[in-house]
Amino acid sequence: MEESSARRRSAGERVLLAVGSIGPLGHAPASGTVAVAVAGIPLAWVMRHYLTDGVYLGVAIAFTVAAMALHHRGDKVLGESDSRKLVWDELAGFFFALYAVPFTWPVVVIGFFLERVIDIVKVPPANWIDDRMHSGVGVVLDDVVAGVYTCILLHGLVRFGPAWLAG
């Protein structure tokens, strides 16, 4: 792990960075996409299968708030803004994308790709957030916007699309 400053990182900072990068996932090429595929999908599966919609939403919101704090502090430790090594923002967005939709593989795969594309394109107001808010709040909120747009599209697809989507 490279040092962003002349000083050595404290044990707490190293733990924060390891948690924020979900171990090696934050260091992979396309780290956000890899983190959602490897960690986000299984975590969302557990949440969708064992939590009610209300509890799921509460957990997604709590995770989002924790992600904001983690990204704020982690970016300071790394000396970067919106570091690709920290991937909780991507998970937060994905959790919102799958809110209250059936967890079927077609829905998850479509949701995965839709959320990634919408996050990369920065559909308004995500582009405004990304341009103007550089703290952990802004880093995470643009992903949440992508997740909310994806969730709306998934609900439309499940309701008006082919029956096989909903399982």
Protein backbone atom coordinates (compact mmCIF):
# COMPACT_ATOMS: atom_id res chain seq x y z
CA MET A 1 0.00 0.00 0.00
CA GLU A 2 1.55 3.30 -1.02
CA GLU A 3 1.87 6.16 1.43
CA SER A 4 0.10 9.42 0.60
CA SER A 5 2.31 11.34 3.00
CA ALA A 6 5.70 11.07 4.67
CA ARG A 7 4.21 9.68 7.90
CA ARG A 8 3.22 6.08 8.49
CA ARG A 9 -0.47 5.37 8.83
CA SER A 10 -1.81 4.49 12.24
CA ALA A 11 -3.34 1.07 12.87
CA GLY A 12 -6.79 2.69 12.91
CA GLU A 13 -6.17 4.32 9.52
CA ARG A 14 -5.00 1.01 8.06
CA VAL A 15 -8.13 -0.72 9.35
CA LEU A 16 -10.33 2.08 7.97
CA LEU A 17 -8.73 1.74 4.53
CA ALA A 18 -8.98 -2.06 4.57
CA VAL A 19 -12.66 -1.90 5.50
CA GLY A 20 -13.36 0.92 3.03
CA SER A 21 -11.72 -0.96 0.18
CA ILE A 22 -13.31 -4.26 1.26
CA GLY A 23 -9.85 -5.76 1.39
CA PRO A 24 -8.41 -6.31 -2.07
CA LEU A 25 -11.58 -5.31 -3.97
CA GLY A 26 -10.82 -1.59 -3.83
CA HIS A 27 -7.43 -2.25 -5.43
CA ALA A 28 -8.79 -4.19 -8.41
CA PRO A 29 -9.16 -2.62 -11.86
CA ALA A 30 -12.70 -1.17 -12.11
CA SER A 31 -12.82 -1.45 -8.33
CA GLY A 32 -16.37 -0.15 -7.92
CA THR A 33 -17.79 -2.62 -10.42
CA VAL A 34 -15.79 -5.48 -8.93
CA ALA A 35 -16.90 -4.57 -5.39
CA VAL A 36 -20.57 -4.53 -6.37
CA ALA A 37 -20.24 -7.84 -8.24
CA VAL A 38 -18.25 -9.64 -5.52
CA ALA A 39 -19.62 -8.08 -2.33
CA GLY A 40 -22.68 -6.02 -3.22
CA ILE A 41 -24.73 -8.73 -4.90
CA PRO A 42 -24.31 -11.29 -2.07
CA LEU A 43 -24.97 -8.64 0.60
CA ALA A 44 -28.07 -7.44 -1.25
CA TRP A 45 -29.25 -11.04 -1.56
CA VAL A 46 -28.99 -11.52 2.20
CA MET A 47 -30.73 -8.20 2.86
CA ARG A 48 -33.55 -8.85 0.35
CA HIS A 49 -34.15 -12.39 1.63
CA TYR A 50 -33.97 -11.79 5.38
CA LEU A 51 -35.16 -8.22 5.88
CA THR A 52 -38.54 -6.62 5.34
CA ASP A 53 -38.61 -3.75 2.86
CA GLY A 54 -38.73 -1.23 5.71
CA VAL A 55 -35.76 -2.74 7.53
CA TYR A 56 -33.89 -3.10 4.23
CA LEU A 57 -34.37 0.62 3.57
CA GLY A 58 -33.22 1.46 7.10
CA VAL A 59 -30.09 -0.65 6.67
CA ALA A 60 -29.41 0.95 3.26
CA ILE A 61 -29.74 4.43 4.79
CA ALA A 62 -27.54 3.54 7.77
CA PHE A 63 -24.95 2.02 5.42
CA THR A 64 -25.06 5.20 3.32
CA VAL A 65 -24.43 7.42 6.35
CA ALA A 66 -21.55 5.16 7.42
CA ALA A 67 -20.19 5.25 3.86
CA MET A 68 -20.23 9.05 3.91
CA ALA A 69 -18.16 9.11 7.09
CA LEU A 70 -15.83 6.39 5.84
CA HIS A 71 -15.22 8.14 2.51
CA HIS A 72 -14.72 11.52 4.17
CA ARG A 73 -12.06 10.18 6.54
CA GLY A 74 -10.58 7.69 4.07
CA ASP A 75 -10.06 10.34 1.39
CA LYS A 76 -8.24 12.50 3.94
CA VAL A 77 -5.99 9.60 4.94
CA LEU A 78 -5.26 8.83 1.28
CA GLY A 79 -4.88 12.49 0.30
CA GLU A 80 -7.33 11.94 -2.55
CA SER A 81 -10.82 13.05 -3.50
CA ASP A 82 -13.29 10.24 -4.29
CA SER A 83 -10.58 7.59 -4.15
CA ARG A 84 -11.25 4.54 -6.31
CA LYS A 85 -9.79 2.46 -3.49
CA LEU A 86 -12.81 3.15 -1.28
CA VAL A 87 -15.87 1.33 -2.59
CA TRP A 88 -18.66 1.73 -0.03
CA ASP A 89 -20.25 4.44 -2.18
CA GLU A 90 -20.78 1.88 -4.94
CA LEU A 91 -22.42 -0.57 -2.54
CA ALA A 92 -24.71 2.11 -1.12
CA GLY A 93 -25.95 2.98 -4.61
CA PHE A 94 -26.51 -0.67 -5.46
CA PHE A 95 -28.49 -1.28 -2.26
CA PHE A 96 -30.86 1.53 -3.25
CA ALA A 97 -31.13 0.11 -6.78
CA LEU A 98 -32.58 -3.16 -5.47
CA TYR A 99 -35.00 -1.68 -2.95
CA ALA A 100 -38.36 -3.51 -2.96
CA VAL A 101 -37.83 -5.29 -6.28
CA PRO A 102 -37.91 -9.08 -6.60
CA PHE A 103 -34.44 -10.55 -6.19
CA THR A 104 -34.42 -12.60 -9.38
CA TRP A 105 -31.25 -13.05 -11.40
CA PRO A 106 -32.63 -11.16 -14.41
CA VAL A 107 -33.57 -8.20 -12.18
CA VAL A 108 -30.20 -8.27 -10.40
CA VAL A 109 -28.19 -8.46 -13.63
CA ILE A 110 -30.22 -5.70 -15.29
CA GLY A 111 -30.00 -3.63 -12.09
CA PHE A 112 -26.25 -4.17 -11.86
CA PHE A 113 -25.61 -2.91 -15.39
CA LEU A 114 -28.18 -0.09 -15.26
CA GLU A 115 -26.81 1.24 -11.97
CA ARG A 116 -23.21 1.11 -13.22
CA VAL A 117 -24.10 2.95 -16.47
CA ILE A 118 -26.23 5.57 -14.70
CA ASP A 119 -23.46 6.09 -12.11
CA ILE A 120 -20.81 6.53 -14.80
CA VAL A 121 -22.95 8.87 -16.93
CA LYS A 122 -23.83 11.00 -13.85
CA VAL A 123 -27.48 11.70 -14.65
CA PRO A 124 -28.66 14.97 -13.03
CA PRO A 125 -28.56 15.81 -10.19
CA ALA A 126 -25.66 13.34 -9.74
CA ASN A 127 -23.46 15.43 -12.05
CA TRP A 128 -24.16 18.54 -9.95
CA ILE A 129 -23.40 16.63 -6.74
CA ASP A 130 -20.22 15.18 -8.24
CA ASP A 131 -19.03 18.61 -9.43
CA ARG A 132 -19.80 20.59 -6.27
CA MET A 133 -19.73 18.28 -3.25
CA HIS A 134 -16.30 16.81 -2.62
CA SER A 135 -16.68 15.48 0.90
CA GLY A 136 -17.86 11.99 1.77
CA VAL A 137 -21.43 13.22 1.42
CA GLY A 138 -20.98 14.14 -2.24
CA VAL A 139 -18.91 11.05 -3.00
CA VAL A 140 -21.71 8.78 -1.79
CA LEU A 141 -24.77 10.81 -2.84
CA ASP A 142 -24.00 10.67 -6.56
CA ASP A 143 -24.04 6.87 -6.30
CA VAL A 144 -27.29 6.94 -4.32
CA VAL A 145 -28.86 9.05 -7.08
CA ALA A 146 -27.82 6.39 -9.61
CA GLY A 147 -29.31 3.73 -7.34
CA VAL A 148 -32.61 5.58 -7.00
CA TYR A 149 -32.90 6.05 -10.78
CA THR A 150 -32.10 2.37 -11.26
CA CYS A 151 -34.69 1.38 -8.66
CA ILE A 152 -37.38 3.40 -10.46
CA LEU A 153 -36.47 1.79 -13.79
CA LEU A 154 -36.42 -1.70 -12.27
CA HIS A 155 -39.85 -1.20 -10.71
CA GLY A 156 -41.15 -0.13 -14.13
CA LEU A 157 -39.56 -3.15 -15.82
CA VAL A 158 -40.94 -5.56 -13.23
CA ARG A 159 -44.43 -4.05 -13.44
CA PHE A 160 -44.69 -3.52 -17.19
CA GLY A 161 -42.01 -5.82 -18.61
CA PRO A 162 -42.05 -9.53 -19.35
CA ALA A 163 -43.32 -11.79 -16.57
CA TRP A 164 -40.04 -13.73 -16.39
CA LEU A 165 -38.33 -10.69 -14.84
CA ALA A 166 -40.29 -10.99 -11.62
CA GLY A 167 -39.69 -14.72 -11.33
